[in-house]
Amino acid sequence: MARKNPFAKLLDADARPADHAAVEYAAKGASRTILSTLDEMAARADQLAAGEAIVEIDPNLVDPSFVRDRRAEDEKEFEELLEAIRENGQNSPIQVRPHPRSPGRYMAVFGHRRIRVAKTLGRKVRAVVKEIADREHIITLGQENSARADVPFIERALFAAGVARLKHDEDNAIVLKALSVDRTTLSKMLSVAGLPAAILGAVGEAKAIGRDRWYELKLLMDKPSNHDLALDVIGEDAFRELSSESRFDRLVQRLKTGRPSKRKRSGAEKSSW
């Protein structure tokens, strides 16, 4: 049997104070400050890598998302957001990703209005920077907008159509996950998004109009004779003066009755006379 080292305890006892003294020395004064700073920098680097830290960046370095969730900006809502951020600061950060094709720049995932506000105010924009692929970019943008109650159905439908056109997959699984909808709803969204651009532009967002009524308009537009009637309706001066929801109602009503406008009927009377 091997004999124990009679000096082991003595050596251990001598070693502990020395180690303890080294730690005490390292944790004092400037050394302690340096260690603390290094720890903070390492933790911040880990946060940035995971996309958890909020940083301030120049909004002029941020390019728009490669797929957009809104067609046009509501100027009234923008002005309200501008005043809120001017007075209280930007409480909610945007999300960006390092630009996949332009080193040193970023691509917005969501938060385009806040970027515009920051540019207008001449301020930096608070953002979460996260390295993500196109697929995750689409899903994040879609889910962020789905969580908001003010996104009109037609905007979600156009977003779905825009993603579907990118052909990231063959079964639209990305769109389904991004918008949290079933295939029946997605089918109606894509059908509505296929309405003529002139009709969609003339009607506008129609925030109070939901899926079923938009699909009703799509079915009415499937009737060939309604195409010219619809263009005639949206061309009326009185139509353009209505609110977006009222324009939608006027168009659907006229397509149901098949009644031409007074302007068109007047022209026919002159020709007959």
C-alpha atoms as a PDB file:
ATOM      1  CA  MET A   1       0.000   0.000   0.000  1.00  0.00           C
ATOM      2  CA  ALA A   2       1.318   3.415  -0.988  1.00  0.00           C
ATOM      3  CA  ARG A   3       2.117   5.682   1.896  1.00  0.00           C
ATOM      4  CA  LYS A   4       0.442   9.123   2.130  1.00  0.00           C
ATOM      5  CA  ASN A   5       2.602  12.147   1.617  1.00  0.00           C
ATOM      6  CA  PRO A   6       3.087  13.617   5.095  1.00  0.00           C
ATOM      7  CA  PHE A   7       3.598  17.083   3.586  1.00  0.00           C
ATOM      8  CA  ALA A   8       0.411  17.059   1.427  1.00  0.00           C
ATOM      9  CA  LYS A   9      -1.757  18.937   3.925  1.00  0.00           C
ATOM     10  CA  LEU A  10       0.986  21.441   4.550  1.00  0.00           C
ATOM     11  CA  LEU A  11       1.455  22.055   0.826  1.00  0.00           C
ATOM     12  CA  ASP A  12      -2.295  22.381   0.305  1.00  0.00           C
ATOM     13  CA  ALA A  13      -2.568  24.820   3.165  1.00  0.00           C
ATOM     14  CA  ASP A  14       0.266  26.895   1.744  1.00  0.00           C
ATOM     15  CA  ALA A  15      -1.260  26.863  -1.747  1.00  0.00           C
ATOM     16  CA  ARG A  16      -4.706  28.087  -0.732  1.00  0.00           C
ATOM     17  CA  PRO A  17      -3.650  31.452   0.744  1.00  0.00           C
ATOM     18  CA  ALA A  18      -1.472  32.100  -2.299  1.00  0.00           C
ATOM     19  CA  ASP A  19      -4.371  31.385  -4.679  1.00  0.00           C
ATOM     20  CA  HIS A  20      -6.714  33.459  -2.549  1.00  0.00           C
ATOM     21  CA  ALA A  21      -4.249  36.331  -2.506  1.00  0.00           C
ATOM     22  CA  ALA A  22      -3.977  36.222  -6.304  1.00  0.00           C
ATOM     23  CA  VAL A  23      -7.728  36.439  -6.678  1.00  0.00           C
ATOM     24  CA  GLU A  24      -7.900  39.299  -4.164  1.00  0.00           C
ATOM     25  CA  TYR A  25      -5.203  41.163  -6.038  1.00  0.00           C
ATOM     26  CA  ALA A  26      -6.911  40.662  -9.406  1.00  0.00           C
ATOM     27  CA  ALA A  27     -10.232  41.900  -8.087  1.00  0.00           C
ATOM     28  CA  LYS A  28      -8.947  45.221  -6.755  1.00  0.00           C
ATOM     29  CA  GLY A  29      -8.561  48.647  -8.332  1.00  0.00           C
ATOM     30  CA  ALA A  30      -8.021  48.975 -12.075  1.00  0.00           C
ATOM     31  CA  SER A  31      -7.803  45.218 -12.535  1.00  0.00           C
ATOM     32  CA  ARG A  32     -11.272  44.802 -11.131  1.00  0.00           C
ATOM     33  CA  THR A  33     -12.632  47.499 -13.436  1.00  0.00           C
ATOM     34  CA  ILE A  34     -11.021  45.879 -16.488  1.00  0.00           C
ATOM     35  CA  LEU A  35     -12.396  42.444 -15.604  1.00  0.00           C
ATOM     36  CA  SER A  36     -15.865  43.893 -15.092  1.00  0.00           C
ATOM     37  CA  THR A  37     -15.711  45.720 -18.435  1.00  0.00           C
ATOM     38  CA  LEU A  38     -14.563  42.599 -20.248  1.00  0.00           C
ATOM     39  CA  ASP A  39     -17.403  40.617 -18.693  1.00  0.00           C
ATOM     40  CA  GLU A  40     -19.921  43.243 -19.796  1.00  0.00           C
ATOM     41  CA  MET A  41     -18.490  43.310 -23.328  1.00  0.00           C
ATOM     42  CA  ALA A  42     -18.639  39.524 -23.563  1.00  0.00           C
ATOM     43  CA  ALA A  43     -22.216  39.473 -22.278  1.00  0.00           C
ATOM     44  CA  ARG A  44     -23.191  42.220 -24.745  1.00  0.00           C
ATOM     45  CA  ALA A  45     -21.580  40.313 -27.613  1.00  0.00           C
ATOM     46  CA  ASP A  46     -23.562  37.204 -26.645  1.00  0.00           C
ATOM     47  CA  GLN A  47     -26.765  39.267 -26.517  1.00  0.00           C
ATOM     48  CA  LEU A  48     -26.125  40.786 -29.927  1.00  0.00           C
ATOM     49  CA  ALA A  49     -25.402  37.359 -31.398  1.00  0.00           C
ATOM     50  CA  ALA A  50     -28.686  36.086 -30.010  1.00  0.00           C
ATOM     51  CA  GLY A  51     -30.565  39.208 -31.097  1.00  0.00           C
ATOM     52  CA  GLU A  52     -31.528  40.167 -27.550  1.00  0.00           C
ATOM     53  CA  ALA A  53     -29.801  43.527 -27.080  1.00  0.00           C
ATOM     54  CA  ILE A  54     -31.325  46.823 -28.184  1.00  0.00           C
ATOM     55  CA  VAL A  55     -28.894  49.145 -29.958  1.00  0.00           C
ATOM     56  CA  GLU A  56     -29.182  52.548 -31.618  1.00  0.00           C
ATOM     57  CA  ILE A  57     -28.332  52.737 -35.324  1.00  0.00           C
ATOM     58  CA  ASP A  58     -28.455  55.343 -38.058  1.00  0.00           C
ATOM     59  CA  PRO A  59     -31.829  54.944 -39.845  1.00  0.00           C
ATOM     60  CA  ASN A  60     -30.130  55.895 -43.130  1.00  0.00           C
ATOM     61  CA  LEU A  61     -28.233  52.610 -42.939  1.00  0.00           C
ATOM     62  CA  VAL A  62     -31.470  50.586 -42.940  1.00  0.00           C
ATOM     63  CA  ASP A  63     -32.994  49.420 -46.241  1.00  0.00           C
ATOM     64  CA  PRO A  64     -36.636  48.296 -46.614  1.00  0.00           C
ATOM     65  CA  SER A  65     -37.654  44.662 -46.228  1.00  0.00           C
ATOM     66  CA  PHE A  66     -37.474  42.579 -49.391  1.00  0.00           C
ATOM     67  CA  VAL A  67     -41.155  41.776 -48.828  1.00  0.00           C
ATOM     68  CA  ARG A  68     -43.513  44.500 -47.645  1.00  0.00           C
ATOM     69  CA  ASP A  69     -46.566  44.205 -45.423  1.00  0.00           C
ATOM     70  CA  ARG A  70     -48.233  47.526 -46.327  1.00  0.00           C
ATOM     71  CA  ARG A  71     -48.930  49.195 -49.674  1.00  0.00           C
ATOM     72  CA  ALA A  72     -49.058  52.801 -48.553  1.00  0.00           C
ATOM     73  CA  GLU A  73     -48.540  54.868 -45.433  1.00  0.00           C
ATOM     74  CA  ASP A  74     -51.512  56.272 -43.564  1.00  0.00           C
ATOM     75  CA  GLU A  75     -50.344  59.858 -43.130  1.00  0.00           C
ATOM     76  CA  LYS A  76     -52.636  60.557 -40.183  1.00  0.00           C
ATOM     77  CA  GLU A  77     -51.316  57.526 -38.278  1.00  0.00           C
ATOM     78  CA  PHE A  78     -47.757  58.480 -39.189  1.00  0.00           C
ATOM     79  CA  GLU A  79     -48.195  62.009 -37.808  1.00  0.00           C
ATOM     80  CA  GLU A  80     -49.630  60.602 -34.580  1.00  0.00           C
ATOM     81  CA  LEU A  81     -46.667  58.235 -34.221  1.00  0.00           C
ATOM     82  CA  LEU A  82     -44.263  61.066 -35.014  1.00  0.00           C
ATOM     83  CA  GLU A  83     -45.649  63.267 -32.254  1.00  0.00           C
ATOM     84  CA  ALA A  84     -45.694  60.394 -29.762  1.00  0.00           C
ATOM     85  CA  ILE A  85     -42.025  59.558 -30.388  1.00  0.00           C
ATOM     86  CA  ARG A  86     -41.062  63.237 -30.429  1.00  0.00           C
ATOM     87  CA  GLU A  87     -42.528  63.690 -26.939  1.00  0.00           C
ATOM     88  CA  ASN A  88     -41.868  60.322 -25.288  1.00  0.00           C
ATOM     89  CA  GLY A  89     -39.125  58.674 -27.326  1.00  0.00           C
ATOM     90  CA  GLN A  90     -39.216  55.362 -29.156  1.00  0.00           C
ATOM     91  CA  ASN A  91     -40.504  52.834 -26.640  1.00  0.00           C
ATOM     92  CA  SER A  92     -40.771  49.840 -28.957  1.00  0.00           C
ATOM     93  CA  PRO A  93     -37.666  48.786 -30.930  1.00  0.00           C
ATOM     94  CA  ILE A  94     -37.720  47.696 -34.545  1.00  0.00           C
ATOM     95  CA  GLN A  95     -36.012  44.533 -35.790  1.00  0.00           C
ATOM     96  CA  VAL A  96     -33.342  44.546 -38.470  1.00  0.00           C
ATOM     97  CA  ARG A  97     -30.904  42.029 -39.918  1.00  0.00           C
ATOM     98  CA  PRO A  98     -27.437  42.551 -41.385  1.00  0.00           C
ATOM     99  CA  HIS A  99     -28.079  43.210 -45.076  1.00  0.00           C
ATOM    100  CA  PRO A 100     -27.456  39.952 -46.976  1.00  0.00           C
ATOM    101  CA  ARG A 101     -25.988  41.744 -50.017  1.00  0.00           C
ATOM    102  CA  SER A 102     -24.697  45.108 -48.736  1.00  0.00           C
ATOM    103  CA  PRO A 103     -21.993  44.841 -46.046  1.00  0.00           C
ATOM    104  CA  GLY A 104     -22.231  47.528 -43.385  1.00  0.00           C
ATOM    105  CA  ARG A 105     -25.946  48.073 -43.972  1.00  0.00           C
ATOM    106  CA  TYR A 106     -29.114  46.582 -42.482  1.00  0.00           C
ATOM    107  CA  MET A 107     -32.446  45.339 -43.824  1.00  0.00           C
ATOM    108  CA  ALA A 108     -35.611  46.106 -41.874  1.00  0.00           C
ATOM    109  CA  VAL A 109     -37.663  43.124 -40.773  1.00  0.00           C
ATOM    110  CA  PHE A 110     -40.435  45.237 -39.265  1.00  0.00           C
ATOM    111  CA  GLY A 111     -40.796  48.821 -38.048  1.00  0.00           C
ATOM    112  CA  HIS A 112     -40.704  50.805 -41.303  1.00  0.00           C
ATOM    113  CA  ARG A 113     -42.801  53.665 -39.886  1.00  0.00           C
ATOM    114  CA  ARG A 114     -40.486  54.036 -36.891  1.00  0.00           C
ATOM    115  CA  ILE A 115     -37.525  54.213 -39.265  1.00  0.00           C
ATOM    116  CA  ARG A 116     -39.261  57.001 -41.188  1.00  0.00           C
ATOM    117  CA  VAL A 117     -39.989  58.823 -37.929  1.00  0.00           C
ATOM    118  CA  ALA A 118     -36.338  58.587 -36.863  1.00  0.00           C
ATOM    119  CA  LYS A 119     -35.240  60.019 -40.221  1.00  0.00           C
ATOM    120  CA  THR A 120     -37.761  62.849 -39.928  1.00  0.00           C
ATOM    121  CA  LEU A 121     -36.642  63.714 -36.389  1.00  0.00           C
ATOM    122  CA  GLY A 122     -32.954  63.305 -37.174  1.00  0.00           C
ATOM    123  CA  ARG A 123     -32.544  60.667 -34.480  1.00  0.00           C
ATOM    124  CA  LYS A 124     -31.099  57.201 -34.306  1.00  0.00           C
ATOM    125  CA  VAL A 125     -33.546  54.316 -34.275  1.00  0.00           C
ATOM    126  CA  ARG A 126     -33.619  51.740 -31.469  1.00  0.00           C
ATOM    127  CA  ALA A 127     -33.386  48.268 -32.959  1.00  0.00           C
ATOM    128  CA  VAL A 128     -32.770  44.616 -32.292  1.00  0.00           C
ATOM    129  CA  VAL A 129     -30.146  43.344 -34.737  1.00  0.00           C
ATOM    130  CA  LYS A 130     -30.489  39.660 -35.488  1.00  0.00           C
ATOM    131  CA  GLU A 131     -28.895  37.449 -38.119  1.00  0.00           C
ATOM    132  CA  ILE A 132     -31.755  35.563 -39.789  1.00  0.00           C
ATOM    133  CA  ALA A 133     -32.469  33.934 -43.161  1.00  0.00           C
ATOM    134  CA  ASP A 134     -35.187  34.981 -45.605  1.00  0.00           C
ATOM    135  CA  ARG A 135     -37.601  32.319 -44.369  1.00  0.00           C
ATOM    136  CA  GLU A 136     -37.396  33.465 -40.743  1.00  0.00           C
ATOM    137  CA  HIS A 137     -37.580  37.086 -41.916  1.00  0.00           C
ATOM    138  CA  ILE A 138     -40.953  36.421 -43.603  1.00  0.00           C
ATOM    139  CA  ILE A 139     -42.348  34.521 -40.640  1.00  0.00           C
ATOM    140  CA  THR A 140     -41.248  37.183 -38.139  1.00  0.00           C
ATOM    141  CA  LEU A 141     -42.760  39.999 -40.214  1.00  0.00           C
ATOM    142  CA  GLY A 142     -46.027  38.125 -40.754  1.00  0.00           C
ATOM    143  CA  GLN A 143     -46.440  37.164 -37.110  1.00  0.00           C
ATOM    144  CA  GLU A 144     -45.603  40.684 -35.900  1.00  0.00           C
ATOM    145  CA  ASN A 145     -48.329  42.120 -38.117  1.00  0.00           C
ATOM    146  CA  SER A 146     -50.824  39.363 -37.276  1.00  0.00           C
ATOM    147  CA  ALA A 147     -50.507  40.382 -33.628  1.00  0.00           C
ATOM    148  CA  ARG A 148     -51.669  43.909 -34.496  1.00  0.00           C
ATOM    149  CA  ALA A 149     -55.397  44.530 -34.654  1.00  0.00           C
ATOM    150  CA  ASP A 150     -55.184  47.450 -37.087  1.00  0.00           C
ATOM    151  CA  VAL A 151     -53.834  45.611 -40.124  1.00  0.00           C
ATOM    152  CA  PRO A 152     -56.575  45.524 -42.804  1.00  0.00           C
ATOM    153  CA  PHE A 153     -57.504  42.225 -44.413  1.00  0.00           C
ATOM    154  CA  ILE A 154     -56.531  43.429 -47.877  1.00  0.00           C
ATOM    155  CA  GLU A 155     -53.016  44.283 -46.687  1.00  0.00           C
ATOM    156  CA  ARG A 156     -52.592  40.807 -45.212  1.00  0.00           C
ATOM    157  CA  ALA A 157     -53.912  39.310 -48.449  1.00  0.00           C
ATOM    158  CA  LEU A 158     -51.433  41.290 -50.554  1.00  0.00           C
ATOM    159  CA  PHE A 159     -48.608  40.308 -48.191  1.00  0.00           C
ATOM    160  CA  ALA A 160     -49.581  36.639 -48.627  1.00  0.00           C
ATOM    161  CA  ALA A 161     -49.609  37.008 -52.409  1.00  0.00           C
ATOM    162  CA  GLY A 162     -46.233  38.750 -52.369  1.00  0.00           C
ATOM    163  CA  VAL A 163     -44.654  35.951 -50.354  1.00  0.00           C
ATOM    164  CA  ALA A 164     -46.297  33.257 -52.513  1.00  0.00           C
ATOM    165  CA  ARG A 165     -44.778  34.843 -55.626  1.00  0.00           C
ATOM    166  CA  LEU A 166     -41.291  34.440 -54.165  1.00  0.00           C
ATOM    167  CA  LYS A 167     -41.680  30.644 -54.434  1.00  0.00           C
ATOM    168  CA  HIS A 168     -39.808  29.823 -51.218  1.00  0.00           C
ATOM    169  CA  ASP A 169     -41.786  26.576 -51.078  1.00  0.00           C
ATOM    170  CA  GLU A 170     -44.358  24.719 -53.163  1.00  0.00           C
ATOM    171  CA  ASP A 171     -47.124  24.417 -50.576  1.00  0.00           C
ATOM    172  CA  ASN A 172     -47.125  27.980 -49.118  1.00  0.00           C
ATOM    173  CA  ALA A 173     -46.125  26.607 -45.727  1.00  0.00           C
ATOM    174  CA  ILE A 174     -44.189  29.793 -44.933  1.00  0.00           C
ATOM    175  CA  VAL A 175     -47.227  32.012 -45.563  1.00  0.00           C
ATOM    176  CA  LEU A 176     -49.470  29.766 -43.481  1.00  0.00           C
ATOM    177  CA  LYS A 177     -47.069  29.948 -40.550  1.00  0.00           C
ATOM    178  CA  ALA A 178     -46.416  33.677 -40.929  1.00  0.00           C
ATOM    179  CA  LEU A 179     -50.100  34.623 -40.950  1.00  0.00           C
ATOM    180  CA  SER A 180     -51.383  31.794 -38.724  1.00  0.00           C
ATOM    181  CA  VAL A 181     -54.236  30.973 -41.127  1.00  0.00           C
ATOM    182  CA  ASP A 182     -55.623  27.766 -42.619  1.00  0.00           C
ATOM    183  CA  ARG A 183     -55.472  26.843 -46.294  1.00  0.00           C
ATOM    184  CA  THR A 184     -59.078  27.845 -46.956  1.00  0.00           C
ATOM    185  CA  THR A 185     -58.457  31.363 -45.674  1.00  0.00           C
ATOM    186  CA  LEU A 186     -55.173  31.585 -47.566  1.00  0.00           C
ATOM    187  CA  SER A 187     -56.941  30.527 -50.765  1.00  0.00           C
ATOM    188  CA  LYS A 188     -59.426  33.383 -50.356  1.00  0.00           C
ATOM    189  CA  MET A 189     -56.615  35.812 -49.557  1.00  0.00           C
ATOM    190  CA  LEU A 190     -54.771  34.929 -52.746  1.00  0.00           C
ATOM    191  CA  SER A 191     -57.992  35.211 -54.772  1.00  0.00           C
ATOM    192  CA  VAL A 192     -58.763  38.665 -53.385  1.00  0.00           C
ATOM    193  CA  ALA A 193     -55.174  39.800 -53.944  1.00  0.00           C
ATOM    194  CA  GLY A 194     -55.676  38.924 -57.613  1.00  0.00           C
ATOM    195  CA  LEU A 195     -58.268  41.689 -58.093  1.00  0.00           C
ATOM    196  CA  PRO A 196     -57.264  44.324 -60.696  1.00  0.00           C
ATOM    197  CA  ALA A 197     -54.725  46.792 -59.327  1.00  0.00           C
ATOM    198  CA  ALA A 198     -56.922  49.706 -60.425  1.00  0.00           C
ATOM    199  CA  ILE A 199     -59.790  48.432 -58.273  1.00  0.00           C
ATOM    200  CA  LEU A 200     -57.581  47.812 -55.231  1.00  0.00           C
ATOM    201  CA  GLY A 201     -55.954  51.205 -55.548  1.00  0.00           C
ATOM    202  CA  ALA A 202     -59.274  53.024 -55.916  1.00  0.00           C
ATOM    203  CA  VAL A 203     -60.911  51.312 -52.926  1.00  0.00           C
ATOM    204  CA  GLY A 204     -57.926  51.574 -50.585  1.00  0.00           C
ATOM    205  CA  GLU A 205     -57.374  49.815 -47.256  1.00  0.00           C
ATOM    206  CA  ALA A 206     -61.044  49.660 -46.178  1.00  0.00           C
ATOM    207  CA  LYS A 207     -59.972  48.741 -42.650  1.00  0.00           C
ATOM    208  CA  ALA A 208     -63.469  47.780 -41.495  1.00  0.00           C
ATOM    209  CA  ILE A 209     -64.000  45.369 -44.402  1.00  0.00           C
ATOM    210  CA  GLY A 210     -63.197  41.763 -43.580  1.00  0.00           C
ATOM    211  CA  ARG A 211     -62.429  38.586 -45.478  1.00  0.00           C
ATOM    212  CA  ASP A 212     -65.963  37.544 -46.466  1.00  0.00           C
ATOM    213  CA  ARG A 213     -66.930  40.899 -47.953  1.00  0.00           C
ATOM    214  CA  TRP A 214     -63.685  41.192 -49.912  1.00  0.00           C
ATOM    215  CA  TYR A 215     -64.273  37.695 -51.258  1.00  0.00           C
ATOM    216  CA  GLU A 216     -67.801  38.736 -52.218  1.00  0.00           C
ATOM    217  CA  LEU A 217     -66.303  41.554 -54.314  1.00  0.00           C
ATOM    218  CA  LYS A 218     -63.937  39.100 -55.920  1.00  0.00           C
ATOM    219  CA  LEU A 219     -66.836  36.841 -56.941  1.00  0.00           C
ATOM    220  CA  LEU A 220     -68.710  39.810 -58.392  1.00  0.00           C
ATOM    221  CA  MET A 221     -65.638  40.770 -60.400  1.00  0.00           C
ATOM    222  CA  ASP A 222     -65.477  37.245 -61.820  1.00  0.00           C
ATOM    223  CA  LYS A 223     -68.462  38.218 -63.971  1.00  0.00           C
ATOM    224  CA  PRO A 224     -66.915  39.645 -67.187  1.00  0.00           C
ATOM    225  CA  SER A 225     -69.627  42.269 -67.675  1.00  0.00           C
ATOM    226  CA  ASN A 226     -68.774  43.773 -64.291  1.00  0.00           C
ATOM    227  CA  HIS A 227     -65.239  44.745 -65.289  1.00  0.00           C
ATOM    228  CA  ASP A 228     -66.226  47.788 -67.336  1.00  0.00           C
ATOM    229  CA  LEU A 229     -68.927  48.720 -64.820  1.00  0.00           C
ATOM    230  CA  ALA A 230     -66.390  48.631 -61.975  1.00  0.00           C
ATOM    231  CA  LEU A 231     -64.004  50.898 -63.877  1.00  0.00           C
ATOM    232  CA  ASP A 232     -66.887  53.255 -64.596  1.00  0.00           C
ATOM    233  CA  VAL A 233     -67.839  53.382 -60.894  1.00  0.00           C
ATOM    234  CA  ILE A 234     -64.329  54.093 -59.601  1.00  0.00           C
ATOM    235  CA  GLY A 235     -63.947  56.824 -62.191  1.00  0.00           C
ATOM    236  CA  GLU A 236     -66.778  58.927 -60.763  1.00  0.00           C
ATOM    237  CA  ASP A 237     -65.858  62.111 -58.908  1.00  0.00           C
ATOM    238  CA  ALA A 238     -68.386  61.324 -56.168  1.00  0.00           C
ATOM    239  CA  PHE A 239     -66.778  57.916 -55.643  1.00  0.00           C
ATOM    240  CA  ARG A 240     -63.351  59.403 -54.969  1.00  0.00           C
ATOM    241  CA  GLU A 241     -64.747  61.735 -52.340  1.00  0.00           C
ATOM    242  CA  LEU A 242     -66.036  58.856 -50.181  1.00  0.00           C
ATOM    243  CA  SER A 243     -64.161  57.167 -47.348  1.00  0.00           C
ATOM    244  CA  SER A 244     -62.405  53.892 -48.144  1.00  0.00           C
ATOM    245  CA  GLU A 245     -65.140  51.737 -46.543  1.00  0.00           C
ATOM    246  CA  SER A 246     -67.873  53.725 -48.313  1.00  0.00           C
ATOM    247  CA  ARG A 247     -66.081  53.307 -51.643  1.00  0.00           C
ATOM    248  CA  PHE A 248     -66.078  49.563 -51.095  1.00  0.00           C
ATOM    249  CA  ASP A 249     -69.803  49.565 -50.251  1.00  0.00           C
ATOM    250  CA  ARG A 250     -70.655  51.725 -53.277  1.00  0.00           C
ATOM    251  CA  LEU A 251     -68.736  49.469 -55.649  1.00  0.00           C
ATOM    252  CA  VAL A 252     -70.287  46.244 -54.341  1.00  0.00           C
ATOM    253  CA  GLN A 253     -73.787  47.729 -54.425  1.00  0.00           C
ATOM    254  CA  ARG A 254     -73.419  48.904 -58.023  1.00  0.00           C
ATOM    255  CA  LEU A 255     -71.968  45.592 -59.168  1.00  0.00           C
ATOM    256  CA  LYS A 256     -74.865  43.726 -57.570  1.00  0.00           C
ATOM    257  CA  THR A 257     -77.491  45.864 -59.297  1.00  0.00           C
ATOM    258  CA  GLY A 258     -75.549  46.098 -62.541  1.00  0.00           C
ATOM    259  CA  ARG A 259     -76.633  49.732 -62.827  1.00  0.00           C
ATOM    260  CA  PRO A 260     -74.440  51.966 -65.004  1.00  0.00           C
ATOM    261  CA  SER A 261     -73.466  55.408 -63.779  1.00  0.00           C
ATOM    262  CA  LYS A 262     -75.417  58.544 -64.704  1.00  0.00           C
ATOM    263  CA  ARG A 263     -72.411  59.755 -66.651  1.00  0.00           C
ATOM    264  CA  LYS A 264     -72.474  56.667 -68.852  1.00  0.00           C
ATOM    265  CA  ARG A 265     -76.251  56.689 -69.275  1.00  0.00           C
ATOM    266  CA  SER A 266     -76.155  60.367 -70.231  1.00  0.00           C
ATOM    267  CA  GLY A 267     -73.629  59.616 -72.947  1.00  0.00           C
ATOM    268  CA  ALA A 268     -75.826  56.866 -74.362  1.00  0.00           C
ATOM    269  CA  GLU A 269     -78.822  59.205 -74.454  1.00  0.00           C
ATOM    270  CA  LYS A 270     -76.868  61.821 -76.397  1.00  0.00           C
ATOM    271  CA  SER A 271     -75.740  59.218 -78.903  1.00  0.00           C
ATOM    272  CA  SER A 272     -79.324  57.980 -79.381  1.00  0.00           C
ATOM    273  CA  TRP A 273     -80.681  61.474 -79.767  1.00  0.00           C
END
